All heavy atoms as atom14 arrays in JSON, in Angstrom:
{
  "sequence": "YHLAPNGYLHAASVIALADTACGYGCILSLPEGATG",
  "atom14_mask": [
    [1, 1, 1, 1, 1, 1, 1, 1, 1, 1, 1, 1, 0, 0],
    [1, 1, 1, 1, 1, 1, 1, 1, 1, 1, 0, 0, 0, 0],
    [1, 1, 1, 1, 1, 1, 1, 1, 0, 0, 0, 0, 0, 0],
    [1, 1, 1, 1, 1, 0, 0, 0, 0, 0, 0, 0, 0, 0],
    [1, 1, 1, 1, 1, 1, 1, 0, 0, 0, 0, 0, 0, 0],
    [1, 1, 1, 1, 1, 1, 1, 1, 0, 0, 0, 0, 0, 0],
    [1, 1, 1, 1, 0, 0, 0, 0, 0, 0, 0, 0, 0, 0],
    [1, 1, 1, 1, 1, 1, 1, 1, 1, 1, 1, 1, 0, 0],
    [1, 1, 1, 1, 1, 1, 1, 1, 0, 0, 0, 0, 0, 0],
    [1, 1, 1, 1, 1, 1, 1, 1, 1, 1, 0, 0, 0, 0],
    [1, 1, 1, 1, 1, 0, 0, 0, 0, 0, 0, 0, 0, 0],
    [1, 1, 1, 1, 1, 0, 0, 0, 0, 0, 0, 0, 0, 0],
    [1, 1, 1, 1, 1, 1, 0, 0, 0, 0, 0, 0, 0, 0],
    [1, 1, 1, 1, 1, 1, 1, 0, 0, 0, 0, 0, 0, 0],
    [1, 1, 1, 1, 1, 1, 1, 1, 0, 0, 0, 0, 0, 0],
    [1, 1, 1, 1, 1, 0, 0, 0, 0, 0, 0, 0, 0, 0],
    [1, 1, 1, 1, 1, 1, 1, 1, 0, 0, 0, 0, 0, 0],
    [1, 1, 1, 1, 1, 0, 0, 0, 0, 0, 0, 0, 0, 0],
    [1, 1, 1, 1, 1, 1, 1, 1, 0, 0, 0, 0, 0, 0],
    [1, 1, 1, 1, 1, 1, 1, 0, 0, 0, 0, 0, 0, 0],
    [1, 1, 1, 1, 1, 0, 0, 0, 0, 0, 0, 0, 0, 0],
    [1, 1, 1, 1, 1, 1, 0, 0, 0, 0, 0, 0, 0, 0],
    [1, 1, 1, 1, 0, 0, 0, 0, 0, 0, 0, 0, 0, 0],
    [1, 1, 1, 1, 1, 1, 1, 1, 1, 1, 1, 1, 0, 0],
    [1, 1, 1, 1, 0, 0, 0, 0, 0, 0, 0, 0, 0, 0],
    [1, 1, 1, 1, 1, 1, 0, 0, 0, 0, 0, 0, 0, 0],
    [1, 1, 1, 1, 1, 1, 1, 1, 0, 0, 0, 0, 0, 0],
    [1, 1, 1, 1, 1, 1, 1, 1, 0, 0, 0, 0, 0, 0],
    [1, 1, 1, 1, 1, 1, 0, 0, 0, 0, 0, 0, 0, 0],
    [1, 1, 1, 1, 1, 1, 1, 1, 0, 0, 0, 0, 0, 0],
    [1, 1, 1, 1, 1, 1, 1, 0, 0, 0, 0, 0, 0, 0],
    [1, 1, 1, 1, 1, 1, 1, 1, 1, 0, 0, 0, 0, 0],
    [1, 1, 1, 1, 0, 0, 0, 0, 0, 0, 0, 0, 0, 0],
    [1, 1, 1, 1, 1, 0, 0, 0, 0, 0, 0, 0, 0, 0],
    [1, 1, 1, 1, 1, 1, 1, 0, 0, 0, 0, 0, 0, 0],
    [1, 1, 1, 1, 0, 0, 0, 0, 0, 0, 0, 0, 0, 0]
  ],
  "atom14_positions": [
    [[27.65, -4.7, -17.81], [27.2, -4.08, -16.56], [25.68, -4.05, -16.42], [25.17, -3.68, -15.37], [27.81, -2.69, -16.35], [27.57, -1.68, -17.45], [26.36, -1.01, -17.58], [28.58, -1.4, -18.36], [26.15, -0.08, -18.58], [28.39, -0.47, -19.36], [27.17, 0.18, -19.47], [26.97, 1.1, -20.46], [0.0, 0.0, 0.0], [0.0, 0.0, 0.0]],
    [[24.93, -4.45, -17.44], [23.47, -4.6, -17.32], [23.08, -5.96, -16.73], [21.9, -6.19, -16.45], [22.79, -4.49, -18.69], [22.86, -3.12, -19.28], [23.3, -2.91, -20.56], [22.56, -1.91, -18.77], [23.25, -1.61, -20.83], [22.82, -0.99, -19.76], [0.0, 0.0, 0.0], [0.0, 0.0, 0.0], [0.0, 0.0, 0.0], [0.0, 0.0, 0.0]],
    [[24.05, -6.82, -16.58], [23.78, -8.19, -16.13], [23.94, -8.34, -14.63], [24.7, -7.61, -13.99], [24.73, -9.16, -16.83], [24.73, -9.13, -18.37], [25.78, -10.1, -18.91], [23.36, -9.42, -18.93], [0.0, 0.0, 0.0], [0.0, 0.0, 0.0], [0.0, 0.0, 0.0], [0.0, 0.0, 0.0], [0.0, 0.0, 0.0], [0.0, 0.0, 0.0]],
    [[23.22, -9.31, -14.09], [23.4, -9.72, -12.7], [24.6, -10.68, -12.64], [25.04, -11.18, -13.69], [22.13, -10.4, -12.19], [0.0, 0.0, 0.0], [0.0, 0.0, 0.0], [0.0, 0.0, 0.0], [0.0, 0.0, 0.0], [0.0, 0.0, 0.0], [0.0, 0.0, 0.0], [0.0, 0.0, 0.0], [0.0, 0.0, 0.0], [0.0, 0.0, 0.0]],
    [[25.11, -10.98, -11.46], [26.25, -11.91, -11.36], [25.98, -13.29, -11.96], [26.92, -14.0, -12.3], [26.51, -11.99, -9.85], [26.04, -10.68, -9.32], [24.83, -10.34, -10.17], [0.0, 0.0, 0.0], [0.0, 0.0, 0.0], [0.0, 0.0, 0.0], [0.0, 0.0, 0.0], [0.0, 0.0, 0.0], [0.0, 0.0, 0.0], [0.0, 0.0, 0.0]],
    [[24.7, -13.66, -12.12], [24.39, -14.97, -12.71], [24.48, -14.96, -14.24], [24.24, -15.97, -14.88], [23.02, -15.46, -12.26], [21.87, -14.6, -12.77], [22.07, -13.63, -13.5], [20.66, -14.95, -12.38], [0.0, 0.0, 0.0], [0.0, 0.0, 0.0], [0.0, 0.0, 0.0], [0.0, 0.0, 0.0], [0.0, 0.0, 0.0], [0.0, 0.0, 0.0]],
    [[24.79, -13.79, -14.83], [24.97, -13.72, -16.27], [23.73, -13.35, -17.06], [23.76, -13.26, -18.28], [0.0, 0.0, 0.0], [0.0, 0.0, 0.0], [0.0, 0.0, 0.0], [0.0, 0.0, 0.0], [0.0, 0.0, 0.0], [0.0, 0.0, 0.0], [0.0, 0.0, 0.0], [0.0, 0.0, 0.0], [0.0, 0.0, 0.0], [0.0, 0.0, 0.0]],
    [[22.61, -13.16, -16.36], [21.37, -12.76, -17.02], [21.09, -11.28, -16.77], [21.6, -10.69, -15.82], [20.2, -13.61, -16.5], [20.27, -15.03, -16.99], [20.84, -16.02, -16.19], [19.79, -15.38, -18.25], [20.92, -17.33, -16.63], [19.86, -16.69, -18.7], [20.43, -17.66, -17.9], [20.52, -18.95, -18.33], [0.0, 0.0, 0.0], [0.0, 0.0, 0.0]],
    [[20.24, -10.72, -17.58], [19.89, -9.32, -17.48], [19.36, -8.99, -16.09], [18.46, -9.66, -15.58], [18.83, -9.01, -18.55], [18.49, -7.57, -18.84], [19.72, -6.78, -19.26], [17.45, -7.51, -19.97], [0.0, 0.0, 0.0], [0.0, 0.0, 0.0], [0.0, 0.0, 0.0], [0.0, 0.0, 0.0], [0.0, 0.0, 0.0], [0.0, 0.0, 0.0]],
    [[19.91, -7.97, -15.48], [19.48, -7.54, -14.14], [18.12, -6.85, -14.24], [17.92, -6.01, -15.11], [20.53, -6.59, -13.56], [20.41, -6.37, -12.09], [19.35, -5.71, -11.52], [21.22, -6.76, -11.08], [19.52, -5.67, -10.22], [20.64, -6.31, -9.92], [0.0, 0.0, 0.0], [0.0, 0.0, 0.0], [0.0, 0.0, 0.0], [0.0, 0.0, 0.0]],
    [[17.22, -7.18, -13.34], [15.87, -6.59, -13.36], [15.92, -5.07, -13.29], [15.14, -4.38, -13.94], [15.04, -7.14, -12.2], [0.0, 0.0, 0.0], [0.0, 0.0, 0.0], [0.0, 0.0, 0.0], [0.0, 0.0, 0.0], [0.0, 0.0, 0.0], [0.0, 0.0, 0.0], [0.0, 0.0, 0.0], [0.0, 0.0, 0.0], [0.0, 0.0, 0.0]],
    [[16.85, -4.52, -12.53], [16.95, -3.06, -12.39], [17.3, -2.4, -13.72], [16.88, -1.27, -13.98], [17.97, -2.7, -11.32], [0.0, 0.0, 0.0], [0.0, 0.0, 0.0], [0.0, 0.0, 0.0], [0.0, 0.0, 0.0], [0.0, 0.0, 0.0], [0.0, 0.0, 0.0], [0.0, 0.0, 0.0], [0.0, 0.0, 0.0], [0.0, 0.0, 0.0]],
    [[18.05, -3.06, -14.57], [18.37, -2.51, -15.89], [17.11, -2.4, -16.75], [16.89, -1.4, -17.43], [19.4, -3.4, -16.62], [20.61, -3.43, -15.91], [0.0, 0.0, 0.0], [0.0, 0.0, 0.0], [0.0, 0.0, 0.0], [0.0, 0.0, 0.0], [0.0, 0.0, 0.0], [0.0, 0.0, 0.0], [0.0, 0.0, 0.0], [0.0, 0.0, 0.0]],
    [[16.28, -3.43, -16.68], [15.02, -3.43, -17.44], [14.09, -2.34, -16.91], [13.47, -1.61, -17.68], [14.35, -4.82, -17.36], [13.0, -4.81, -18.06], [15.26, -5.89, -17.95], [0.0, 0.0, 0.0], [0.0, 0.0, 0.0], [0.0, 0.0, 0.0], [0.0, 0.0, 0.0], [0.0, 0.0, 0.0], [0.0, 0.0, 0.0], [0.0, 0.0, 0.0]],
    [[14.0, -2.23, -15.61], [13.13, -1.21, -15.0], [13.63, 0.19, -15.36], [12.83, 1.09, -15.62], [13.04, -1.42, -13.48], [12.21, -2.69, -13.21], [12.43, -0.22, -12.78], [12.2, -3.15, -11.77], [0.0, 0.0, 0.0], [0.0, 0.0, 0.0], [0.0, 0.0, 0.0], [0.0, 0.0, 0.0], [0.0, 0.0, 0.0], [0.0, 0.0, 0.0]],
    [[14.94, 0.39, -15.39], [15.48, 1.7, -15.77], [15.05, 2.07, -17.19], [14.68, 3.22, -17.45], [16.99, 1.7, -15.65], [0.0, 0.0, 0.0], [0.0, 0.0, 0.0], [0.0, 0.0, 0.0], [0.0, 0.0, 0.0], [0.0, 0.0, 0.0], [0.0, 0.0, 0.0], [0.0, 0.0, 0.0], [0.0, 0.0, 0.0], [0.0, 0.0, 0.0]],
    [[15.09, 1.12, -18.11], [14.65, 1.38, -19.48], [13.18, 1.74, -19.52], [12.78, 2.76, -20.1], [14.93, 0.16, -20.37], [14.39, 0.23, -21.79], [15.0, 1.38, -22.58], [14.63, -1.11, -22.49], [0.0, 0.0, 0.0], [0.0, 0.0, 0.0], [0.0, 0.0, 0.0], [0.0, 0.0, 0.0], [0.0, 0.0, 0.0], [0.0, 0.0, 0.0]],
    [[12.35, 0.93, -18.88], [10.89, 1.15, -18.91], [10.51, 2.46, -18.21], [9.71, 3.25, -18.75], [10.18, -0.03, -18.24], [0.0, 0.0, 0.0], [0.0, 0.0, 0.0], [0.0, 0.0, 0.0], [0.0, 0.0, 0.0], [0.0, 0.0, 0.0], [0.0, 0.0, 0.0], [0.0, 0.0, 0.0], [0.0, 0.0, 0.0], [0.0, 0.0, 0.0]],
    [[11.08, 2.72, -17.05], [10.73, 3.93, -16.3], [11.2, 5.18, -17.02], [10.53, 6.21, -17.0], [11.3, 3.85, -14.89], [10.71, 4.91, -13.97], [9.47, 5.04, -13.92], [11.49, 5.61, -13.3], [0.0, 0.0, 0.0], [0.0, 0.0, 0.0], [0.0, 0.0, 0.0], [0.0, 0.0, 0.0], [0.0, 0.0, 0.0], [0.0, 0.0, 0.0]],
    [[12.34, 5.11, -17.69], [12.83, 6.25, -18.45], [11.9, 6.56, -19.62], [11.55, 7.72, -19.86], [14.26, 6.0, -18.96], [15.12, 5.82, -17.83], [14.76, 7.15, -19.81], [0.0, 0.0, 0.0], [0.0, 0.0, 0.0], [0.0, 0.0, 0.0], [0.0, 0.0, 0.0], [0.0, 0.0, 0.0], [0.0, 0.0, 0.0], [0.0, 0.0, 0.0]],
    [[11.47, 5.53, -20.33], [10.54, 5.75, -21.45], [9.25, 6.4, -20.96], [8.75, 7.36, -21.56], [10.25, 4.44, -22.17], [0.0, 0.0, 0.0], [0.0, 0.0, 0.0], [0.0, 0.0, 0.0], [0.0, 0.0, 0.0], [0.0, 0.0, 0.0], [0.0, 0.0, 0.0], [0.0, 0.0, 0.0], [0.0, 0.0, 0.0], [0.0, 0.0, 0.0]],
    [[8.72, 5.9, -19.86], [7.5, 6.48, -19.29], [7.74, 7.91, -18.83], [6.9, 8.8, -19.04], [7.0, 5.64, -18.12], [6.45, 3.99, -18.59], [0.0, 0.0, 0.0], [0.0, 0.0, 0.0], [0.0, 0.0, 0.0], [0.0, 0.0, 0.0], [0.0, 0.0, 0.0], [0.0, 0.0, 0.0], [0.0, 0.0, 0.0], [0.0, 0.0, 0.0]],
    [[8.87, 8.15, -18.19], [9.18, 9.48, -17.69], [9.31, 10.5, -18.8], [8.78, 11.61, -18.72], [0.0, 0.0, 0.0], [0.0, 0.0, 0.0], [0.0, 0.0, 0.0], [0.0, 0.0, 0.0], [0.0, 0.0, 0.0], [0.0, 0.0, 0.0], [0.0, 0.0, 0.0], [0.0, 0.0, 0.0], [0.0, 0.0, 0.0], [0.0, 0.0, 0.0]],
    [[9.99, 10.14, -19.87], [10.13, 11.07, -20.99], [8.77, 11.32, -21.64], [8.47, 12.44, -22.03], [11.13, 10.55, -22.01], [12.59, 10.7, -21.59], [12.96, 10.89, -20.26], [13.6, 10.63, -22.53], [14.28, 11.02, -19.89], [14.93, 10.77, -22.16], [15.27, 10.96, -20.85], [16.58, 11.1, -20.48], [0.0, 0.0, 0.0], [0.0, 0.0, 0.0]],
    [[7.98, 10.26, -21.75], [6.63, 10.45, -22.29], [5.8, 11.35, -21.4], [5.04, 12.2, -21.89], [0.0, 0.0, 0.0], [0.0, 0.0, 0.0], [0.0, 0.0, 0.0], [0.0, 0.0, 0.0], [0.0, 0.0, 0.0], [0.0, 0.0, 0.0], [0.0, 0.0, 0.0], [0.0, 0.0, 0.0], [0.0, 0.0, 0.0], [0.0, 0.0, 0.0]],
    [[5.95, 11.2, -20.1], [5.2, 12.03, -19.16], [5.6, 13.5, -19.3], [4.74, 14.38, -19.31], [5.45, 11.53, -17.73], [4.45, 12.35, -16.48], [0.0, 0.0, 0.0], [0.0, 0.0, 0.0], [0.0, 0.0, 0.0], [0.0, 0.0, 0.0], [0.0, 0.0, 0.0], [0.0, 0.0, 0.0], [0.0, 0.0, 0.0], [0.0, 0.0, 0.0]],
    [[6.89, 13.77, -19.41], [7.36, 15.14, -19.58], [6.66, 15.8, -20.76], [6.24, 16.95, -20.69], [8.89, 15.17, -19.8], [9.63, 14.82, -18.52], [9.34, 16.53, -20.33], [11.11, 14.57, -18.72], [0.0, 0.0, 0.0], [0.0, 0.0, 0.0], [0.0, 0.0, 0.0], [0.0, 0.0, 0.0], [0.0, 0.0, 0.0], [0.0, 0.0, 0.0]],
    [[6.54, 15.04, -21.84], [5.97, 15.61, -23.07], [4.44, 15.59, -23.07], [3.83, 16.13, -23.99], [6.51, 14.85, -24.28], [8.02, 14.97, -24.45], [8.51, 14.08, -25.59], [8.44, 16.41, -24.67], [0.0, 0.0, 0.0], [0.0, 0.0, 0.0], [0.0, 0.0, 0.0], [0.0, 0.0, 0.0], [0.0, 0.0, 0.0], [0.0, 0.0, 0.0]],
    [[3.84, 14.99, -22.07], [2.37, 14.89, -22.0], [1.8, 15.61, -20.79], [0.64, 15.36, -20.42], [1.97, 13.4, -21.94], [2.46, 12.69, -23.03], [0.0, 0.0, 0.0], [0.0, 0.0, 0.0], [0.0, 0.0, 0.0], [0.0, 0.0, 0.0], [0.0, 0.0, 0.0], [0.0, 0.0, 0.0], [0.0, 0.0, 0.0], [0.0, 0.0, 0.0]],
    [[2.58, 16.46, -20.16], [2.08, 17.15, -18.97], [0.92, 18.08, -19.32], [0.96, 18.76, -20.35], [3.2, 17.96, -18.31], [4.28, 17.16, -17.6], [5.41, 18.07, -17.16], [3.7, 16.4, -16.42], [0.0, 0.0, 0.0], [0.0, 0.0, 0.0], [0.0, 0.0, 0.0], [0.0, 0.0, 0.0], [0.0, 0.0, 0.0], [0.0, 0.0, 0.0]],
    [[-0.09, 18.12, -18.46], [-1.21, 19.04, -18.7], [-0.8, 20.49, -18.45], [0.22, 20.76, -17.79], [-2.27, 18.58, -17.69], [-1.51, 17.9, -16.62], [-0.28, 17.3, -17.26], [0.0, 0.0, 0.0], [0.0, 0.0, 0.0], [0.0, 0.0, 0.0], [0.0, 0.0, 0.0], [0.0, 0.0, 0.0], [0.0, 0.0, 0.0], [0.0, 0.0, 0.0]],
    [[-1.58, 21.39, -18.94], [-1.31, 22.82, -18.78], [-1.17, 23.17, -17.3], [-1.93, 22.71, -16.46], [-2.45, 23.63, -19.4], [-2.16, 25.11, -19.44], [-3.25, 25.89, -20.16], [-3.85, 25.34, -21.1], [-3.48, 27.03, -19.75], [0.0, 0.0, 0.0], [0.0, 0.0, 0.0], [0.0, 0.0, 0.0], [0.0, 0.0, 0.0], [0.0, 0.0, 0.0]],
    [[-0.17, 23.96, -16.99], [0.05, 24.41, -15.62], [0.96, 23.51, -14.8], [1.38, 23.88, -13.71], [0.0, 0.0, 0.0], [0.0, 0.0, 0.0], [0.0, 0.0, 0.0], [0.0, 0.0, 0.0], [0.0, 0.0, 0.0], [0.0, 0.0, 0.0], [0.0, 0.0, 0.0], [0.0, 0.0, 0.0], [0.0, 0.0, 0.0], [0.0, 0.0, 0.0]],
    [[1.27, 22.32, -15.31], [2.14, 21.4, -14.58], [3.59, 21.84, -14.7], [3.99, 22.39, -15.73], [1.97, 19.98, -15.11], [0.0, 0.0, 0.0], [0.0, 0.0, 0.0], [0.0, 0.0, 0.0], [0.0, 0.0, 0.0], [0.0, 0.0, 0.0], [0.0, 0.0, 0.0], [0.0, 0.0, 0.0], [0.0, 0.0, 0.0], [0.0, 0.0, 0.0]],
    [[4.37, 21.59, -13.65], [5.78, 21.95, -13.66], [6.7, 20.75, -13.75], [7.91, 20.91, -13.93], [6.13, 22.74, -12.39], [5.82, 21.93, -11.24], [5.37, 24.05, -12.32], [0.0, 0.0, 0.0], [0.0, 0.0, 0.0], [0.0, 0.0, 0.0], [0.0, 0.0, 0.0], [0.0, 0.0, 0.0], [0.0, 0.0, 0.0], [0.0, 0.0, 0.0]],
    [[6.17, 19.56, -13.61], [6.97, 18.35, -13.65], [6.17, 17.16, -13.17], [4.94, 17.2, -13.11], [0.0, 0.0, 0.0], [0.0, 0.0, 0.0], [0.0, 0.0, 0.0], [0.0, 0.0, 0.0], [0.0, 0.0, 0.0], [0.0, 0.0, 0.0], [0.0, 0.0, 0.0], [0.0, 0.0, 0.0], [0.0, 0.0, 0.0], [0.0, 0.0, 0.0]]
  ]
}
């Protein structure tokens, strides 16, 4: 289910991985006073 119909990795799957890693890093790196 990570693949596109052509049998190769779907770009959205790759972006989901990258954006999630950045998002989790951001959560843990928020400056004082930030809520999200």
